[in-house]
N, C-alpha and C. Protein backbone atom coordinates (compact mmCIF):
# COMPACT_ATOMS: atom_id res chain seq x y z
N MET A 1 20.69 195.07 53.95
CA MET A 1 21.20 193.88 53.93
C MET A 1 20.57 192.74 55.63
N ILE A 2 20.40 193.67 56.44
CA ILE A 2 20.04 193.23 57.62
C ILE A 2 19.11 192.92 57.58
N VAL A 3 17.74 193.29 56.73
CA VAL A 3 16.34 192.78 56.53
C VAL A 3 16.48 191.56 56.23
N LEU A 4 17.25 191.59 55.11
CA LEU A 4 17.22 189.96 54.76
C LEU A 4 18.07 188.96 55.40
N ALA A 5 19.07 189.31 55.96
CA ALA A 5 19.38 188.48 57.65
C ALA A 5 18.32 188.25 58.20
N ALA A 6 17.22 189.08 58.63
CA ALA A 6 16.65 188.85 59.84
C ALA A 6 15.51 188.06 59.17
N CYS A 7 14.83 188.33 57.81
CA CYS A 7 14.09 187.68 57.34
C CYS A 7 14.19 186.13 56.97
N THR A 8 16.16 185.97 56.47
CA THR A 8 16.19 184.82 56.82
C THR A 8 16.23 184.01 57.73
N ALA A 9 16.25 184.11 59.22
CA ALA A 9 16.38 183.67 60.17
C ALA A 9 15.53 183.10 60.75
N LEU A 10 14.24 184.42 60.38
CA LEU A 10 12.98 184.30 60.94
C LEU A 10 12.03 182.71 60.35
N GLY A 11 12.54 183.05 58.59
CA GLY A 11 12.04 181.93 57.69
C GLY A 11 12.68 180.89 58.01
N GLY A 12 13.74 180.63 58.55
CA GLY A 12 14.00 179.25 59.17
C GLY A 12 13.59 178.85 60.54
N LEU A 13 13.45 179.61 61.40
CA LEU A 13 12.77 179.29 62.64
C LEU A 13 11.19 179.00 62.26
N VAL A 14 10.35 179.24 61.11
CA VAL A 14 8.95 179.04 61.16
C VAL A 14 9.57 177.59 60.67
N ALA A 15 10.21 177.25 59.61
CA ALA A 15 10.45 175.75 59.44
C ALA A 15 10.67 174.81 60.11
N LEU A 16 12.11 175.44 61.14
CA LEU A 16 12.37 174.01 62.20
C LEU A 16 11.08 174.11 63.28
N VAL A 17 10.14 175.29 63.53
CA VAL A 17 8.74 174.96 64.76
C VAL A 17 8.23 173.96 63.71
N ALA A 18 7.81 173.97 62.56
CA ALA A 18 6.98 173.46 61.63
C ALA A 18 7.20 172.04 61.97
N GLY A 19 8.63 171.80 61.78
CA GLY A 19 9.21 170.49 61.40
C GLY A 19 9.04 169.58 62.65
N ALA A 20 9.71 170.77 64.07
CA ALA A 20 9.24 170.01 65.31
C ALA A 20 7.82 169.95 65.91
N TYR A 21 6.95 170.85 65.47
CA TYR A 21 5.65 170.20 65.75
C TYR A 21 5.05 169.22 64.88
N GLY A 22 5.34 168.87 63.43
CA GLY A 22 5.39 167.52 62.79
C GLY A 22 5.47 166.55 63.37
N LEU A 23 6.76 166.13 63.73
CA LEU A 23 7.11 165.04 64.45
C LEU A 23 6.65 164.52 65.45
N GLN A 24 6.53 165.81 66.81
CA GLN A 24 5.87 165.62 67.94
C GLN A 24 4.40 165.46 67.56
N ARG A 25 3.49 165.82 66.75
CA ARG A 25 2.28 165.75 66.90
C ARG A 25 2.30 163.86 65.94
N SER A 26 2.70 163.57 65.32
CA SER A 26 2.95 162.43 64.75
C SER A 26 3.32 161.23 66.22
N ARG A 27 4.03 161.81 66.48
CA ARG A 27 4.55 160.84 67.83
C ARG A 27 3.55 160.19 68.89
N ARG A 28 2.78 161.79 68.96
CA ARG A 28 1.95 161.72 70.12
C ARG A 28 0.80 160.91 69.78
N VAL A 29 0.16 161.26 68.28
CA VAL A 29 -1.26 160.22 68.04
C VAL A 29 -0.50 159.25 68.01
N GLN A 30 0.36 158.68 67.26
CA GLN A 30 0.90 157.00 67.52
C GLN A 30 1.19 156.55 68.69
N ASP A 31 1.56 157.16 69.71
CA ASP A 31 1.79 156.53 71.39
C ASP A 31 0.58 156.45 72.47
N SER A 32 -0.25 157.36 71.78
CA SER A 32 -1.35 157.56 72.88
C SER A 32 -2.72 157.38 72.34
N GLY A 33 -3.15 157.58 71.10
CA GLY A 33 -4.36 157.36 70.11
C GLY A 33 -4.48 155.91 70.01
N ASN A 34 -5.68 155.32 69.64
CA ASN A 34 -6.40 154.24 69.51
C ASN A 34 -6.33 154.21 68.00
N ILE A 35 -6.38 152.92 67.31
CA ILE A 35 -5.96 152.11 66.22
C ILE A 35 -7.19 151.87 65.66
N ALA A 36 -7.66 152.25 64.39
CA ALA A 36 -8.73 151.84 63.37
C ALA A 36 -8.47 151.71 62.56
N GLN A 37 -9.34 150.85 61.39
CA GLN A 37 -9.47 150.53 60.22
C GLN A 37 -10.32 151.51 59.50
N ALA A 38 -9.55 152.39 58.65
CA ALA A 38 -10.46 153.41 57.80
C ALA A 38 -10.64 153.36 56.35
N LEU A 39 -11.76 153.19 55.89
CA LEU A 39 -12.20 153.28 54.40
C LEU A 39 -11.39 153.99 53.71
N VAL A 40 -10.82 154.18 52.70
CA VAL A 40 -10.47 155.10 52.01
C VAL A 40 -11.55 155.27 50.62
N LYS A 41 -12.09 156.97 50.92
CA LYS A 41 -12.95 157.14 49.51
C LYS A 41 -12.38 158.32 48.98
N PRO A 42 -13.01 158.59 47.47
CA PRO A 42 -12.28 159.36 46.54
C PRO A 42 -11.91 160.40 47.30
N PRO A 43 -10.96 161.57 46.25
CA PRO A 43 -10.35 162.77 46.82
C PRO A 43 -12.29 163.81 46.83
N GLN A 44 -12.34 165.15 47.29
CA GLN A 44 -13.51 165.75 46.84
C GLN A 44 -12.56 166.65 45.73
N PRO A 45 -13.44 167.20 44.87
CA PRO A 45 -12.94 167.71 43.92
C PRO A 45 -12.07 169.24 44.09
N GLY A 46 -11.07 169.12 43.51
CA GLY A 46 -9.94 170.04 43.44
C GLY A 46 -8.79 169.36 44.53
N SER A 47 -8.94 168.22 45.32
CA SER A 47 -7.96 167.70 46.25
C SER A 47 -7.52 166.46 45.43
N GLU A 48 -5.92 166.32 46.02
CA GLU A 48 -5.36 165.20 45.42
C GLU A 48 -5.22 163.83 46.75
N ARG A 49 -5.95 164.46 47.77
CA ARG A 49 -5.89 163.49 49.10
C ARG A 49 -7.21 163.23 49.01
N PRO A 50 -7.13 161.73 49.48
CA PRO A 50 -8.27 161.03 49.87
C PRO A 50 -9.32 160.98 50.72
N LEU A 51 -10.31 160.90 51.30
CA LEU A 51 -10.97 161.22 52.37
C LEU A 51 -10.46 159.61 52.91
N LEU A 52 -10.88 159.87 54.40
CA LEU A 52 -10.51 158.51 55.33
C LEU A 52 -11.91 158.48 56.43
N GLN A 53 -12.29 157.35 56.20
CA GLN A 53 -13.62 157.29 56.79
C GLN A 53 -13.62 156.00 57.69
N PHE A 54 -13.39 156.13 59.34
CA PHE A 54 -13.61 155.09 60.33
C PHE A 54 -14.36 155.43 61.37
N GLU A 55 -14.43 154.42 61.96
CA GLU A 55 -15.46 154.60 63.50
C GLU A 55 -14.57 154.67 64.96
N THR A 56 -14.62 155.83 65.63
CA THR A 56 -14.23 155.62 66.86
C THR A 56 -14.58 154.35 67.79
N GLY A 57 -14.02 154.14 69.15
CA GLY A 57 -14.35 153.17 69.72
C GLY A 57 -15.43 153.22 70.32
N ASP A 58 -15.74 155.10 70.36
CA ASP A 58 -17.19 154.85 71.07
C ASP A 58 -18.15 155.42 70.06
N GLY A 59 -18.09 154.75 68.99
CA GLY A 59 -19.23 154.44 67.91
C GLY A 59 -19.25 155.51 66.72
N GLN A 60 -18.51 156.58 66.87
CA GLN A 60 -18.51 158.12 66.45
C GLN A 60 -17.62 158.10 64.62
N VAL A 61 -18.79 158.20 63.70
CA VAL A 61 -18.21 158.14 62.50
C VAL A 61 -17.59 159.32 62.24
N VAL A 62 -16.15 159.03 61.54
CA VAL A 62 -15.46 160.22 61.74
C VAL A 62 -14.74 160.00 59.88
N GLU A 63 -14.74 161.36 59.28
CA GLU A 63 -14.60 161.73 57.56
C GLU A 63 -13.36 162.49 57.99
N VAL A 64 -11.97 162.29 57.44
CA VAL A 64 -10.81 163.21 57.47
C VAL A 64 -10.45 163.45 56.26
N VAL A 65 -9.83 164.34 55.91
CA VAL A 65 -8.72 164.09 54.59
C VAL A 65 -7.65 163.33 55.16
N SER A 66 -6.91 162.31 54.30
CA SER A 66 -5.63 162.00 54.36
C SER A 66 -4.82 162.63 55.24
N PRO A 67 -4.41 162.41 55.81
CA PRO A 67 -2.96 163.21 56.41
C PRO A 67 -1.82 163.37 55.22
N VAL A 68 -1.59 162.42 54.49
CA VAL A 68 -0.83 162.28 53.26
C VAL A 68 -0.98 161.75 51.94
N PRO A 69 -0.77 162.55 50.98
CA PRO A 69 -0.98 162.32 50.16
C PRO A 69 -0.75 160.89 49.62
N PRO A 70 -1.72 160.50 48.12
CA PRO A 70 -1.45 159.17 47.52
C PRO A 70 0.08 159.14 47.12
N SER A 71 0.97 157.83 47.13
CA SER A 71 2.17 157.96 46.48
C SER A 71 2.35 156.64 45.98
N LYS A 72 3.46 156.54 45.15
CA LYS A 72 3.42 154.92 44.45
C LYS A 72 3.97 153.93 45.53
N ARG A 73 4.30 154.43 46.60
CA ARG A 73 4.22 153.17 47.62
C ARG A 73 3.25 152.86 48.32
N ARG A 74 2.29 154.08 48.28
CA ARG A 74 0.93 154.21 49.00
C ARG A 74 -0.12 154.47 48.65
N PRO A 75 -0.71 154.03 47.43
CA PRO A 75 -1.50 154.56 46.52
C PRO A 75 -2.89 155.13 46.63
N LEU A 76 -3.18 154.56 47.89
CA LEU A 76 -4.63 154.53 48.68
C LEU A 76 -5.44 154.89 47.40
N PRO A 77 -6.06 153.66 46.89
CA PRO A 77 -6.86 153.46 46.14
C PRO A 77 -8.41 153.48 46.88
N ALA A 78 -9.52 154.60 46.23
CA ALA A 78 -11.17 154.08 46.67
C ALA A 78 -11.18 152.91 46.92
N GLY A 79 -12.17 152.65 47.68
CA GLY A 79 -12.45 151.25 48.74
C GLY A 79 -11.60 150.89 48.89
N GLY A 80 -10.35 150.84 49.43
CA GLY A 80 -9.01 150.41 50.16
C GLY A 80 -9.58 150.74 51.37
N VAL A 81 -9.10 149.78 52.52
CA VAL A 81 -8.78 149.90 53.71
C VAL A 81 -7.04 150.51 54.43
N VAL A 82 -7.11 151.21 55.50
CA VAL A 82 -5.84 151.36 55.78
C VAL A 82 -6.15 151.38 57.25
N SER A 83 -5.01 151.30 57.94
CA SER A 83 -5.04 151.64 59.63
C SER A 83 -4.53 152.88 59.73
N VAL A 84 -5.61 153.64 60.86
CA VAL A 84 -5.02 154.94 61.34
C VAL A 84 -4.74 155.15 62.74
N ALA A 85 -4.35 156.15 62.94
CA ALA A 85 -4.15 156.08 64.65
C ALA A 85 -4.76 157.58 64.73
N TYR A 86 -5.63 157.55 65.56
CA TYR A 86 -6.26 158.89 65.94
C TYR A 86 -6.58 159.38 67.59
N ASP A 87 -6.57 160.54 67.56
CA ASP A 87 -6.19 161.02 69.19
C ASP A 87 -7.77 161.11 69.64
N THR A 88 -7.60 160.50 70.63
CA THR A 88 -9.09 159.88 71.02
C THR A 88 -9.67 161.54 71.63
N GLU A 89 -9.16 162.49 72.11
CA GLU A 89 -9.73 163.88 72.50
C GLU A 89 -10.41 164.38 70.86
N ASP A 90 -9.68 164.43 69.91
CA ASP A 90 -10.05 164.91 68.67
C ASP A 90 -9.79 163.73 67.64
N PRO A 91 -10.75 162.99 67.05
CA PRO A 91 -10.67 162.42 66.62
C PRO A 91 -10.31 162.70 65.16
N ARG A 92 -10.02 163.93 64.52
CA ARG A 92 -9.65 164.24 63.43
C ARG A 92 -8.25 164.62 62.96
N GLU A 93 -7.55 164.60 64.57
CA GLU A 93 -6.27 164.13 64.35
C GLU A 93 -5.86 163.03 64.22
N THR A 94 -5.63 162.49 62.92
CA THR A 94 -4.83 161.10 62.50
C THR A 94 -3.91 161.15 61.81
N VAL A 95 -3.24 159.76 62.36
CA VAL A 95 -1.72 159.46 61.47
C VAL A 95 -2.18 158.50 60.61
N LEU A 96 -1.82 158.25 59.04
CA LEU A 96 -2.12 156.88 58.46
C LEU A 96 -1.00 156.17 58.82
N LEU A 97 -0.97 155.07 59.49
CA LEU A 97 0.09 154.12 59.91
C LEU A 97 0.59 153.36 58.65
N GLY A 98 2.19 153.65 58.51
CA GLY A 98 3.27 153.34 57.57
C GLY A 98 2.92 154.15 56.77
N GLY A 99 2.14 155.12 56.45
CA GLY A 99 2.52 156.46 55.86
C GLY A 99 2.98 158.32 56.29
N GLU A 100 3.64 157.59 57.50
CA GLU A 100 4.31 158.68 57.96
C GLU A 100 5.73 158.95 57.68
N ARG A 101 5.87 160.05 57.50
CA ARG A 101 6.91 160.95 56.62
C ARG A 101 7.87 161.58 57.86
N PRO A 102 8.27 160.97 58.38
CA PRO A 102 9.19 161.73 59.29
C PRO A 102 10.73 162.42 58.63
N GLY A 103 10.82 161.84 57.46
CA GLY A 103 11.86 162.41 57.16
C GLY A 103 11.44 163.86 56.33
N VAL A 104 10.41 164.15 56.31
CA VAL A 104 9.83 165.08 55.77
C VAL A 104 9.93 166.44 56.96
N ASP A 105 9.61 166.15 58.09
CA ASP A 105 9.40 167.09 58.95
C ASP A 105 10.89 166.97 59.65
N ARG A 106 11.76 165.81 59.58
CA ARG A 106 13.26 166.26 59.58
C ARG A 106 14.13 167.32 58.91
N ALA A 107 13.39 167.18 57.71
CA ALA A 107 14.12 168.03 56.66
C ALA A 107 13.85 169.23 57.00
N PHE A 108 12.54 169.82 57.33
CA PHE A 108 12.27 170.62 57.54
C PHE A 108 13.26 171.53 59.08
N MET A 109 13.03 170.77 59.58
CA MET A 109 14.00 171.35 61.45
C MET A 109 15.15 171.25 60.96
N ILE A 110 16.05 170.49 59.42
CA ILE A 110 17.37 170.63 59.22
C ILE A 110 17.62 171.98 58.76
N ALA A 111 16.61 172.21 57.78
CA ALA A 111 16.78 173.01 56.92
C ALA A 111 16.57 174.63 57.47
N GLY A 112 15.72 174.70 58.57
CA GLY A 112 15.17 175.99 59.34
C GLY A 112 16.54 176.03 60.21
N ALA A 113 17.11 175.14 60.67
CA ALA A 113 18.30 175.31 61.74
C ALA A 113 19.52 175.88 60.56
N LEU A 114 19.66 175.59 59.30
CA LEU A 114 20.72 176.04 59.27
C LEU A 114 20.27 177.15 58.39
N LEU A 115 19.14 177.82 58.09
CA LEU A 115 18.78 178.72 57.60
C LEU A 115 18.88 180.21 59.07
N VAL A 116 18.10 179.88 60.35
CA VAL A 116 18.66 180.57 61.45
C VAL A 116 20.24 180.63 61.20
N LEU A 117 21.02 179.63 61.15
CA LEU A 117 22.33 179.82 61.15
C LEU A 117 22.84 180.91 60.46
N VAL A 118 22.40 180.82 58.80
CA VAL A 118 23.10 181.97 57.87
C VAL A 118 22.58 183.07 58.50
N GLY A 119 20.93 183.24 58.81
CA GLY A 119 20.40 184.67 59.22
C GLY A 119 21.92 185.28 60.42
N MET A 120 21.99 184.45 61.17
CA MET A 120 22.78 184.81 62.18
C MET A 120 24.24 185.25 61.90
N VAL A 121 24.47 184.67 60.87
CA VAL A 121 26.05 184.64 60.43
C VAL A 121 26.13 186.11 59.81
N LEU A 122 25.39 186.30 58.82
CA LEU A 122 25.10 187.41 58.38
C LEU A 122 25.08 188.77 59.16
N THR A 123 23.90 188.57 59.87
CA THR A 123 23.54 189.67 60.91
C THR A 123 24.94 190.30 61.67
N VAL A 124 25.66 189.06 62.34
CA VAL A 124 27.13 189.58 62.87
C VAL A 124 27.85 189.87 61.83
N SER A 125 28.35 189.72 60.65
CA SER A 125 29.25 189.85 59.64
C SER A 125 28.47 191.22 58.89
N LEU A 126 27.45 191.39 58.94
CA LEU A 126 26.90 193.00 58.78
C LEU A 126 26.92 193.99 60.06
N SER A 127 26.95 193.56 60.71
CA SER A 127 26.82 194.59 62.05
C SER A 127 28.06 195.08 61.94
N ARG A 128 29.31 194.04 62.03
CA ARG A 128 30.77 194.35 62.41
C ARG A 128 31.13 194.91 61.26
N SER A 129 30.81 195.12 59.82
CA SER A 129 31.22 195.55 58.85
C SER A 129 30.99 197.33 59.16
N ARG A 130 30.19 197.29 60.11
CA ARG A 130 29.68 198.92 59.99
C ARG A 130 30.61 199.62 60.71
């Protein structure tokens, strides 16, 4: 049972860190990155996310997989144009403006924190029952 409690806490910690990293990355790119207009290209075979092609401030053409999948709210049709923020040091790090999903990252953080808490409670209660 202790192993289950430890795995629960470890899994929660991974989810917590992943959510925090996602939020931090999106905020950093939005706050300090440059904005460009990107052409939406069809997805590669076997992928649901379209490609986004844009030109950086120094004239470099970059093509990246969309950081978010198309949705009803944001269908991302091929041939369309969207705004992206990109990291000037690594233009492959992009955020689709208007397509951010901070709720998903926050949900990962909350679920992770809850799992860490459950794992800790299980560990304490199991160690006391011995």
